[in-house]
Amino acid sequence: MDIAIKRKGKALIVSLGGELDLATAGEVRERVDLALLEDSRVHHLIWDLEKVGFIDSSGLGVLLGRYKKIQARAGRVVALRPVDPVRKMLRMAGMERIMHFADTEEQALAQIGGR
């Protein structure tokens, strides 16, 4: 799993590549939790899923758990550029009720209020 994390304003942008599944979920969880712990100014989370080809229930659990952390900061979560199979899985799991979907980073930032 490739993981790149950057901060833009009050948003943490997490770019993932590979499969978000049981084998990789722990590493993603730890890296994102550490980034959130290190920077209390982060209120929003943008998951760049363009290079994620597969997500299972463990991956969904990572997204849901980080959503709860962001919700505690009164922030928003955006799924950026999910490929069709991943977008379908997110929708089937009802994740569109808790996160926005965006096709560009600019759209994602606009959905969190440009902050």
Protein backbone atom coordinates (compact mmCIF):
# COMPACT_ATOMS: atom_id res chain seq x y z
CA MET A 1 0.00 0.00 0.00
CA ASP A 2 1.33 3.39 -1.00
CA ILE A 3 0.41 6.13 1.48
CA ALA A 4 1.12 9.83 1.00
CA ILE A 5 -0.15 12.37 3.51
CA LYS A 6 -0.12 16.14 3.11
CA ARG A 7 -1.85 19.03 4.83
CA LYS A 8 -3.64 21.76 2.91
CA GLY A 9 -5.19 24.42 5.11
CA LYS A 10 -7.28 22.63 7.70
CA ALA A 11 -7.51 19.46 5.60
CA LEU A 12 -5.43 16.33 5.65
CA ILE A 13 -5.18 14.78 2.18
CA VAL A 14 -4.41 11.07 2.28
CA SER A 15 -3.48 9.56 -1.10
CA LEU A 16 -3.61 5.79 -1.22
CA GLY A 17 -2.46 3.33 -3.86
CA GLY A 18 -3.09 -0.40 -3.97
CA GLU A 19 -5.71 -2.40 -2.12
CA LEU A 20 -7.31 -1.15 1.08
CA ASP A 21 -8.01 -4.46 2.76
CA LEU A 22 -7.25 -6.55 5.84
CA ALA A 23 -3.55 -6.70 4.95
CA THR A 24 -3.14 -2.91 4.64
CA ALA A 25 -5.85 -1.42 6.87
CA GLY A 26 -3.71 -1.40 10.01
CA GLU A 27 -0.89 0.58 8.42
CA VAL A 28 -3.30 3.13 6.93
CA ARG A 29 -5.09 3.49 10.28
CA GLU A 30 -1.83 4.03 12.18
CA ARG A 31 -0.38 6.54 9.71
CA VAL A 32 -3.55 8.65 9.52
CA ASP A 33 -4.17 8.53 13.28
CA LEU A 34 -0.59 9.66 13.90
CA ALA A 35 -0.97 12.55 11.44
CA LEU A 36 -4.20 13.61 13.14
CA LEU A 37 -2.62 13.34 16.58
CA GLU A 38 0.35 15.45 15.50
CA ASP A 39 -1.74 18.32 14.11
CA SER A 40 -4.80 19.52 16.02
CA ARG A 41 -5.36 22.22 13.36
CA VAL A 42 -6.62 19.54 10.95
CA HIS A 43 -10.42 19.44 10.89
CA HIS A 44 -11.15 17.76 7.56
CA LEU A 45 -10.03 14.60 5.81
CA ILE A 46 -9.80 14.02 2.06
CA TRP A 47 -9.21 10.42 0.95
CA ASP A 48 -7.63 10.41 -2.52
CA LEU A 49 -8.73 6.97 -3.74
CA GLU A 50 -7.83 7.32 -7.42
CA LYS A 51 -5.18 4.59 -7.20
CA VAL A 52 -7.12 2.22 -4.94
CA GLY A 53 -8.40 -0.69 -6.99
CA PHE A 54 -10.12 -2.63 -4.22
CA ILE A 55 -11.60 -2.01 -0.78
CA ASP A 56 -13.03 -4.60 1.62
CA SER A 57 -14.83 -4.37 4.98
CA SER A 58 -11.53 -3.75 6.81
CA GLY A 59 -10.86 -0.80 4.53
CA LEU A 60 -14.37 0.51 5.08
CA GLY A 61 -13.71 0.22 8.81
CA VAL A 62 -10.63 2.44 8.46
CA LEU A 63 -12.65 5.08 6.61
CA LEU A 64 -15.47 4.92 9.17
CA GLY A 65 -13.13 5.12 12.14
CA ARG A 66 -11.34 8.17 10.77
CA TYR A 67 -14.73 9.74 9.97
CA LYS A 68 -15.59 9.49 13.67
CA LYS A 69 -12.33 11.23 14.60
CA ILE A 70 -13.00 14.03 12.08
CA GLN A 71 -16.61 14.32 13.22
CA ALA A 72 -15.31 14.92 16.77
CA ARG A 73 -13.38 17.88 15.31
CA ALA A 74 -16.57 19.18 13.65
CA GLY A 75 -15.04 18.46 10.24
CA ARG A 76 -16.00 16.79 6.99
CA VAL A 77 -14.71 13.82 5.01
CA VAL A 78 -14.45 13.64 1.22
CA ALA A 79 -13.72 10.67 -1.04
CA LEU A 80 -11.68 12.02 -3.94
CA ARG A 81 -11.62 10.31 -7.34
CA PRO A 82 -12.71 6.82 -6.29
CA VAL A 83 -12.54 4.39 -9.23
CA ASP A 84 -15.83 2.74 -10.18
CA PRO A 85 -15.47 -0.53 -8.19
CA VAL A 86 -14.43 1.39 -5.07
CA ARG A 87 -17.15 4.02 -5.54
CA LYS A 88 -19.70 1.22 -5.88
CA MET A 89 -18.49 -0.44 -2.67
CA LEU A 90 -18.60 2.87 -0.78
CA ARG A 91 -22.15 3.49 -1.95
CA MET A 92 -23.28 -0.05 -1.12
CA ALA A 93 -21.87 0.42 2.38
CA GLY A 94 -23.82 3.69 2.76
CA MET A 95 -20.68 5.81 3.05
CA GLU A 96 -22.24 8.56 0.92
CA ARG A 97 -24.33 9.43 4.00
CA ILE A 98 -21.20 10.39 5.92
CA MET A 99 -18.81 11.61 3.24
CA HIS A 100 -18.90 13.71 0.12
CA PHE A 101 -17.57 12.57 -3.25
CA ALA A 102 -15.41 14.77 -5.49
CA ASP A 103 -13.69 14.42 -8.86
CA THR A 104 -10.97 17.04 -8.29
CA GLU A 105 -8.99 18.29 -5.33
CA GLU A 106 -10.52 21.74 -5.88
CA GLN A 107 -14.03 20.25 -5.61
CA ALA A 108 -13.03 18.38 -2.46
CA LEU A 109 -11.66 21.55 -0.86
CA ALA A 110 -14.81 23.46 -1.87
CA GLN A 111 -16.98 20.80 -0.22
CA ILE A 112 -15.22 21.34 3.09
CA GLY A 113 -15.62 25.07 2.77
CA GLY A 114 -12.25 25.77 1.16
CA ARG A 115 -10.59 25.47 4.55
